[in-house]
Protein backbone atom coordinates (compact mmCIF):
# COMPACT_ATOMS: atom_id res chain seq x y z
CA MET A 1 84.74 121.65 97.76
CA ASN A 2 86.25 118.81 99.80
CA ARG A 3 83.46 119.15 102.38
CA LEU A 4 80.82 119.03 99.62
CA PHE A 5 82.48 115.96 98.13
CA ILE A 6 82.42 114.21 101.54
CA ILE A 7 78.75 115.07 102.10
CA VAL A 8 77.76 113.85 98.63
CA GLY A 9 79.84 110.71 99.13
CA LEU A 10 78.26 109.94 102.50
CA THR A 11 74.78 110.54 101.09
CA PHE A 12 75.50 108.18 98.20
CA PHE A 13 76.94 105.55 100.59
CA ILE A 14 73.94 105.72 102.94
CA SER A 15 71.56 105.60 99.98
CA CYS A 16 73.28 102.50 98.58
CA LYS A 17 73.31 100.82 102.00
CA THR A 18 69.62 101.62 102.53
CA GLN A 19 68.78 100.24 99.09
CA GLN A 20 70.75 97.07 99.85
CA ILE A 21 68.91 96.56 103.15
CA ASN A 22 65.61 97.13 101.37
CA GLU A 23 66.54 94.51 98.78
CA ASN A 24 67.51 92.07 101.53
CA ILE A 25 64.21 92.58 103.33
CA SER A 26 61.91 92.47 100.30
CA GLY A 27 60.28 89.16 99.45
CA VAL A 28 58.93 86.10 101.26
CA TRP A 29 59.95 85.14 104.79
CA ILE A 30 58.94 82.22 107.00
CA PHE A 31 58.25 83.18 110.61
CA GLU A 32 60.69 80.93 112.47
CA SER A 33 60.49 81.79 116.15
CA GLU A 34 59.60 84.27 118.88
CA VAL A 35 61.37 84.27 122.23
CA ASN A 36 61.33 86.57 125.25
CA ASP A 37 64.80 88.01 125.81
CA LEU A 38 64.75 86.51 129.32
CA HIS A 39 65.00 83.06 127.69
CA LEU A 40 67.47 83.73 124.88
CA ASN A 41 70.01 81.33 126.38
CA ASP A 42 67.54 78.51 127.00
CA THR A 43 68.99 75.66 124.93
CA SER A 44 65.93 73.45 125.54
CA ARG A 45 63.87 75.80 123.31
CA PHE A 46 60.98 75.29 125.73
CA PHE A 47 60.17 79.01 125.70
CA VAL A 48 60.60 79.44 121.94
CA HIS A 49 57.27 79.94 120.17
CA GLN A 50 56.51 79.25 116.55
CA TYR A 51 53.48 80.28 114.51
CA PRO A 52 52.24 79.26 111.03
CA ILE A 53 52.99 82.66 109.50
CA ILE A 54 54.43 83.84 106.18
CA TYR A 55 55.47 87.47 105.55
CA ASP A 56 55.78 88.89 102.05
CA PHE A 57 57.46 92.31 102.07
CA LYS A 58 56.49 93.85 98.74
CA GLU A 59 58.53 96.57 97.06
CA ASP A 60 55.59 98.99 97.04
CA GLY A 61 55.54 99.08 100.86
CA ALA A 62 52.72 96.58 101.32
CA LEU A 63 53.23 93.65 103.69
CA LEU A 64 51.16 90.52 103.06
CA PHE A 65 50.65 88.73 106.38
CA LYS A 66 49.54 85.11 105.97
CA HIS A 67 48.62 83.40 109.26
CA TYR A 68 47.43 79.93 108.31
CA PRO A 69 44.66 78.86 108.17
CA LYS A 70 43.22 82.35 108.79
CA LYS A 71 42.47 85.01 106.20
CA ASP A 72 45.29 87.15 104.81
CA THR A 73 45.94 90.63 106.21
CA ILE A 74 47.62 93.55 104.45
CA TYR A 75 49.95 95.75 106.52
CA SER A 76 52.52 98.37 105.54
CA TRP A 77 56.27 98.34 106.02
CA LEU A 78 59.06 100.88 105.81
CA GLN A 79 62.77 100.76 106.43
CA LYS A 80 63.06 103.89 108.57
CA THR A 81 66.84 103.68 109.13
CA ASP A 82 69.60 101.12 108.77
CA THR A 83 68.56 99.63 112.10
CA ILE A 84 64.83 100.38 112.30
CA LEU A 85 62.12 98.48 110.40
CA THR A 86 58.61 99.91 110.74
CA ILE A 87 55.68 97.50 110.36
CA ASN A 88 52.18 98.97 110.47
CA GLY A 89 53.39 101.98 112.44
CA LEU A 90 55.43 100.01 115.00
CA ASP A 91 59.22 100.17 115.06
CA TYR A 92 61.38 97.04 115.30
CA THR A 93 65.14 97.02 115.74
CA ILE A 94 67.06 95.11 113.06
CA HIS A 95 69.50 93.00 115.08
CA SER A 96 70.85 90.99 112.14
CA LEU A 97 70.08 90.69 108.45
CA ASN A 98 71.44 88.66 105.57
CA GLN A 99 70.08 86.92 102.50
CA ASP A 100 68.88 83.89 104.49
CA SER A 101 67.65 85.23 107.81
CA ILE A 102 66.56 88.30 109.71
CA THR A 103 66.27 88.89 113.45
CA LEU A 104 64.17 91.74 114.80
CA ILE A 105 63.83 92.96 118.39
CA ASP A 106 60.33 93.98 119.41
CA TYR A 107 60.33 96.67 122.12
CA ASN A 108 56.62 97.43 121.72
CA ARG A 109 55.39 95.06 124.44
CA ALA A 110 55.87 94.89 128.19
CA ASP A 111 58.72 92.42 127.62
CA ASN A 112 61.21 92.48 124.78
CA TYR A 113 60.91 89.76 122.16
CA TRP A 114 63.32 88.50 119.51
CA LEU A 115 61.65 87.58 116.22
CA THR A 116 63.50 85.39 113.73
CA PHE A 117 62.60 84.82 110.08
CA LYS A 118 64.16 82.63 107.40
CA ARG A 119 64.04 82.68 103.62
CA PRO A 120 62.34 79.76 101.84
CA LYS A 121 64.67 77.73 99.64
CA GLU A 122 64.44 77.65 95.87
CA THR A 123 63.31 74.09 95.14
CA PHE A 124 61.44 72.20 92.45
CA ILE A 125 58.38 70.26 93.60
CA ASP A 126 56.80 68.31 90.75
CA TYR A 127 53.42 68.02 92.49
CA SER A 128 50.40 70.23 93.00
CA LYS A 129 49.05 71.11 96.45
CA THR A 130 46.28 68.52 95.99
CA GLU A 131 48.79 65.83 95.00
CA ILE A 132 50.98 66.62 98.02
CA GLU A 133 47.99 66.28 100.34
CA LYS A 134 47.09 62.97 98.71
CA ILE A 135 50.61 61.61 99.32
CA LEU A 136 50.50 62.65 102.98
CA LEU A 137 47.05 61.11 103.44
CA SER A 138 48.01 57.84 101.74
CA ASN A 139 50.63 56.68 104.22
CA ILE A 140 51.49 56.19 107.85
CA TRP A 141 54.76 58.02 108.49
CA SER A 142 57.86 57.93 110.68
CA THR A 143 60.69 60.38 111.24
CA ASP A 144 64.11 59.41 109.88
CA ASP A 145 65.61 60.55 113.20
CA THR A 146 64.15 57.83 115.40
CA LEU A 147 66.78 58.38 118.10
CA ASN A 148 65.93 62.01 118.93
CA ARG A 149 62.29 62.12 117.83
CA LYS A 150 60.74 59.01 119.30
CA TRP A 151 57.37 60.75 119.53
CA ALA A 152 57.29 60.98 115.70
CA THR A 153 58.04 57.34 114.87
CA ARG A 154 54.42 56.68 113.88
CA PHE A 155 51.92 59.31 112.79
CA GLU A 156 49.07 59.67 110.33
CA TYR A 157 47.34 62.52 108.52
CA PHE A 158 43.53 62.53 108.31
CA PRO A 159 41.36 64.34 105.71
CA ASN A 160 39.73 66.66 108.27
CA ASN A 161 43.03 68.49 108.98
CA ILE A 162 43.78 66.22 111.92
CA MET A 163 47.00 64.29 112.44
CA ILE A 164 47.65 61.82 115.24
CA TYR A 165 51.00 60.77 116.68
CA ARG A 166 51.21 57.34 118.33
CA TYR A 167 54.11 56.57 120.67
CA ARG A 168 54.82 54.45 123.74
CA ILE A 169 54.89 55.96 127.23
CA PHE A 170 54.42 54.81 130.78
CA ASP A 171 50.70 55.43 131.22
CA ARG A 172 50.07 56.48 134.83
CA ASN A 173 46.34 55.93 134.40
CA LEU A 174 46.92 52.27 133.56
CA ASN A 175 50.14 51.91 135.60
CA ASP A 176 51.73 50.22 132.60
CA SER A 177 53.44 50.93 129.31
CA ALA A 178 50.92 51.83 126.62
CA ASP A 179 50.44 53.74 123.38
CA ASN A 180 49.78 57.43 123.83
CA LEU A 181 47.89 59.38 121.17
CA GLN A 182 48.59 63.05 120.48
CA LEU A 183 46.20 65.00 118.24
CA GLU A 184 47.34 67.98 116.16
CA ARG A 185 45.87 70.12 113.39
CA TRP A 186 47.67 70.39 110.05
CA GLY A 187 47.48 71.84 106.57
CA VAL A 188 49.42 72.32 103.35
CA ALA A 189 49.86 75.83 101.92
CA GLU A 190 51.00 76.95 98.50
CA TYR A 191 52.39 80.45 98.03
CA LYS A 192 54.16 81.59 94.89
CA ASP A 193 56.56 78.74 94.00
CA TYR A 194 56.76 77.38 97.55
CA TYR A 195 54.90 74.67 99.46
CA PHE A 196 54.59 74.60 103.24
CA ILE A 197 53.24 72.22 105.84
CA TYR A 198 51.95 73.79 109.02
CA ASN A 199 50.44 72.95 112.40
CA TYR A 200 47.97 75.15 114.23
CA THR A 201 45.61 75.26 117.19
CA ASP A 202 41.96 76.21 116.91
CA MET A 203 39.57 78.06 119.19
CA TYR A 204 37.99 74.81 120.42
CA GLY A 205 41.18 73.47 121.96
CA ASN A 206 42.17 71.07 119.18
CA GLY A 207 45.93 70.88 118.63
CA ASN A 208 48.87 71.54 120.92
CA PHE A 209 51.55 73.37 118.97
CA GLU A 210 51.99 75.69 116.01
CA SER A 211 54.69 75.73 113.36
CA ILE A 212 55.34 76.13 109.65
CA ASN A 213 58.06 74.52 107.54
CA GLN A 214 58.83 74.51 103.86
CA ILE A 215 58.44 71.25 101.95
CA ILE A 216 61.76 70.96 100.12
CA ASP A 217 61.35 67.44 98.71
CA ILE A 218 58.54 64.91 98.43
CA ASN A 219 57.72 61.66 96.64
CA PRO A 220 55.10 58.94 97.24
CA ASN A 221 57.26 57.29 99.94
CA SER A 222 59.07 60.14 101.73
CA TYR A 223 59.26 63.87 102.25
CA THR A 224 61.69 66.43 103.65
CA ILE A 225 60.97 69.76 105.32
CA SER A 226 63.13 72.66 106.46
CA ASP A 227 63.66 72.57 110.22
CA SER A 228 65.91 74.99 112.09
CA ASN A 229 65.68 72.91 115.26
CA VAL A 230 68.09 70.26 113.92
CA ASN A 231 71.76 70.56 113.00
CA ASP A 232 71.46 70.16 109.22
CA LYS A 233 68.36 72.40 109.11
CA LYS A 234 66.09 69.76 107.58
CA ALA A 235 64.01 66.81 108.75
CA GLY A 236 63.11 63.72 106.76
CA PHE A 237 60.16 61.35 107.03
CA HIS A 238 59.42 58.03 105.35
CA SER A 239 56.41 55.81 104.85
CA ILE A 240 56.07 52.79 107.15
CA MET A 241 52.69 51.71 105.80
CA GLU A 242 51.03 52.57 102.54
CA GLY A 243 47.30 53.14 102.36
CA VAL A 244 45.22 50.04 102.94
CA ASN A 245 41.58 49.25 102.36
CA ASN A 246 39.75 49.33 105.69
CA GLU A 247 36.38 48.31 104.29
CA HIS A 248 36.34 44.97 106.10
CA LYS A 249 37.13 46.63 109.46
CA LEU A 250 34.55 49.35 108.86
CA LYS A 251 31.89 46.76 108.11
CA LYS A 252 32.91 44.76 111.16
CA ILE A 253 32.54 47.71 113.54
CA ILE A 254 29.13 48.88 112.27
CA GLY A 255 26.32 47.88 114.64
CA GLU A 256 25.31 47.96 118.30
CA TRP A 257 27.68 47.17 121.16
CA ILE A 258 27.38 47.02 124.95
CA SER A 259 30.06 47.26 127.66
CA TYR A 260 29.60 46.80 131.41
CA ASN A 261 31.38 49.37 133.61
CA SER A 262 32.37 48.28 137.10
CA GLU A 263 34.66 49.23 139.98
CA ASN A 264 36.80 46.20 139.13
CA ARG A 265 38.10 48.08 136.08
CA THR A 266 40.12 51.27 136.29
CA TYR A 267 38.59 54.72 135.93
CA GLY A 268 42.07 56.21 135.72
CA LYS A 269 44.43 57.57 138.34
CA TYR A 270 43.05 61.08 138.60
CA ILE A 271 39.67 60.77 140.30
CA PRO A 272 38.10 64.04 141.58
CA GLU A 273 37.26 62.74 145.05
CA GLN A 274 35.86 66.07 146.29
CA GLU A 275 33.62 66.44 143.22
CA ILE A 276 32.34 62.92 143.79
CA GLU A 277 31.73 63.70 147.46
CA TYR A 278 29.65 66.76 146.50
CA GLY A 279 27.69 64.69 143.99
CA ARG A 280 28.74 66.67 140.94
CA VAL A 281 30.66 63.72 139.46
CA GLY A 282 29.88 60.03 139.65
CA LEU A 283 31.73 56.81 138.87
CA PHE A 284 29.55 55.02 136.36
CA LEU A 285 28.39 51.50 137.14
CA GLY A 286 26.33 49.70 134.53
CA ASP A 287 25.93 49.22 130.80
CA LEU A 288 27.35 51.62 128.26
CA HIS A 289 25.72 51.31 124.84
CA MET A 290 27.61 52.28 121.70
CA THR A 291 26.04 52.31 118.24
CA PHE A 292 28.11 52.68 115.08
CA LYS A 293 26.36 53.87 111.95
CA GLU A 294 27.89 54.86 108.64
CA LYS A 295 28.31 58.52 109.66
CA THR A 296 27.58 58.72 113.39
CA ILE A 297 28.44 57.12 116.72
CA SER A 298 26.19 57.36 119.75
CA LEU A 299 26.99 56.59 123.39
CA LYS A 300 24.09 56.01 125.75
CA ILE A 301 23.60 55.39 129.45
CA ASP A 302 20.24 54.30 130.84
CA ALA A 303 17.56 56.95 130.24
CA LEU A 304 20.01 59.81 129.68
CA GLU A 305 20.25 61.68 126.40
CA PRO A 306 22.83 59.99 124.15
CA MET A 307 26.14 61.61 123.26
CA ILE A 308 26.22 61.87 119.46
CA TYR A 309 29.44 62.04 117.45
CA HIS A 310 28.55 63.31 113.98
CA ASP A 311 31.44 61.81 112.09
CA TRP A 312 34.10 59.19 112.72
CA GLN A 313 37.08 57.59 110.99
CA LEU A 314 39.37 54.61 111.38
CA SER A 315 43.11 54.97 110.89
CA GLN A 316 44.69 53.05 108.04
CA ASP A 317 46.09 50.43 110.42
CA GLY A 318 42.74 50.12 112.19
CA LYS A 319 44.25 51.05 115.57
CA THR A 320 42.86 54.56 116.01
CA LEU A 321 39.24 55.66 116.22
CA LEU A 322 38.82 59.39 115.50
CA LEU A 323 35.51 61.06 116.44
CA GLU A 324 33.99 64.48 115.78
CA TYR A 325 31.62 66.08 118.29
CA HIS A 326 29.71 69.01 116.74
CA PHE A 327 28.65 71.46 119.43
CA ASP A 328 25.34 72.45 117.86
CA GLY A 329 24.95 69.50 115.54
CA SER A 330 26.78 71.15 112.63
CA GLU A 331 30.37 71.97 111.70
CA SER A 332 29.66 75.72 111.79
CA GLY A 333 29.04 75.52 115.53
CA GLY A 334 32.49 74.16 116.25
CA ILE A 335 34.04 70.72 116.47
CA GLN A 336 35.74 68.91 119.33
CA PHE A 337 37.88 66.00 118.14
CA GLU A 338 38.28 62.93 120.33
CA TYR A 339 40.09 59.66 119.82
CA ALA A 340 40.47 56.15 121.21
CA THR A 341 42.78 53.20 120.69
CA ILE A 342 41.25 50.00 119.33
CA LEU A 343 42.89 47.18 121.25
CA GLU A 344 40.85 44.34 119.76
CA LEU A 345 38.19 43.96 117.09
CA ASN A 346 36.47 40.84 115.81
CA ASP A 347 32.94 39.81 114.90
CA THR A 348 31.74 39.71 118.52
CA LYS A 349 34.16 41.85 120.55
CA LEU A 350 35.38 45.45 120.48
CA LYS A 351 37.95 46.47 123.09
CA ILE A 352 38.99 50.13 123.19
CA ARG A 353 41.02 52.45 125.41
CA LEU A 354 39.29 55.80 125.93
CA PHE A 355 41.31 59.01 126.29
CA ASN A 356 38.28 61.06 127.27
CA ASN A 357 36.23 58.95 129.66
CA ARG A 358 33.76 61.65 130.75
CA TYR A 359 30.05 61.33 129.93
CA TYR A 360 28.08 64.57 130.39
CA THR A 361 24.59 63.97 131.73
CA GLY A 362 22.90 67.33 131.14
CA LYS A 363 21.77 67.27 134.79
CA GLU A 364 22.92 69.30 137.78
CA LYS A 365 23.98 66.29 139.86
CA PRO A 366 25.85 64.43 138.71
CA ASN A 367 26.68 66.58 135.71
CA GLN A 368 29.08 63.93 134.45
CA TYR A 369 29.99 60.30 134.87
CA ILE A 370 33.48 58.87 134.71
CA LEU A 371 33.62 55.72 132.58
CA ASN A 372 36.09 52.85 132.70
CA LEU A 373 39.18 53.70 130.64
CA ILE A 374 39.14 50.27 129.02
CA GLN A 375 35.81 49.33 127.49
CA GLU A 376 35.15 45.73 126.46
CA PHE A 377 32.12 45.80 124.21
CA GLU A 378 30.16 42.79 123.07
CA ARG A 379 28.06 42.91 119.95
CA VAL A 380 24.30 43.12 120.43
CA GLU A 381 22.66 40.70 118.00
């Protein structure tokens, strides 16, 4: 009788514990990080990878996998034991689990990986997804933590899911201090009662990093996101310039411009001398023509086919020129985003700093020209 009582008691205890673990796992999780176990003690977080992923473990055993901005995928999940979580037939070891976070160890690959997830917070956001996007698009932003995040002291969101950071560096190409531009892809996601902002890379090489964070507060002049990389687990941002009307600058830039390229102006520090020697690359000498129309920009050299950018935008402060190159002339064929800094603009002069100063000729030799990094255009009347 005592043995039976012990067996029944243990069965009941295990059942209750299993049910509790199931309850802790069920629901929405934000994918926080993935790290190879070789780099677990790396405090720089250089080897820690983030992805714009949300997991929703449903009580019926379905797992909704949302990898933004891709389509949703449905997997299955099962708590096999107290320490084993099975996802789509693969077993993961439960290293730690509580109401706010879960850490799994993935032994299914050549190396072992630690996967960390966090629960979204219960918050009240009195805006729709469209209204949140409008707020983000209507300002130029800066981090509140200007000491530790100098690269985020000035950034802007654009309507085509592009954001650009602007920060000072020592520019080796110019051998001087200058503004650097960093292009990323972004989006806002709404799931259940939560809002998220995410970064992603696309198949055409646009964007540098991936992440997803919950928006826990937002108003027309500031917003706050969850961020496990900082001590208080949140990061704040504030507006440093509200949306302005750029119509006068847009009208001023429309038209035809010409810039003379010469060896007296820098082509940048990194010149492919061997490629030039073989004739595959050339340093361009002569006039570069640039024509701004309402929707397109064209660059042209001599009798070569022009390079056509099928859409372009000016930043709200008029300092950044954002261009879209469509590979087959349409968005469906893929888009490469490029950008330049506008150093000066008036009725007769346009001075810009190129970040991609390659002009592809369509010929075998040279198959590309290197342009001057700084272009000083004069208006063609």
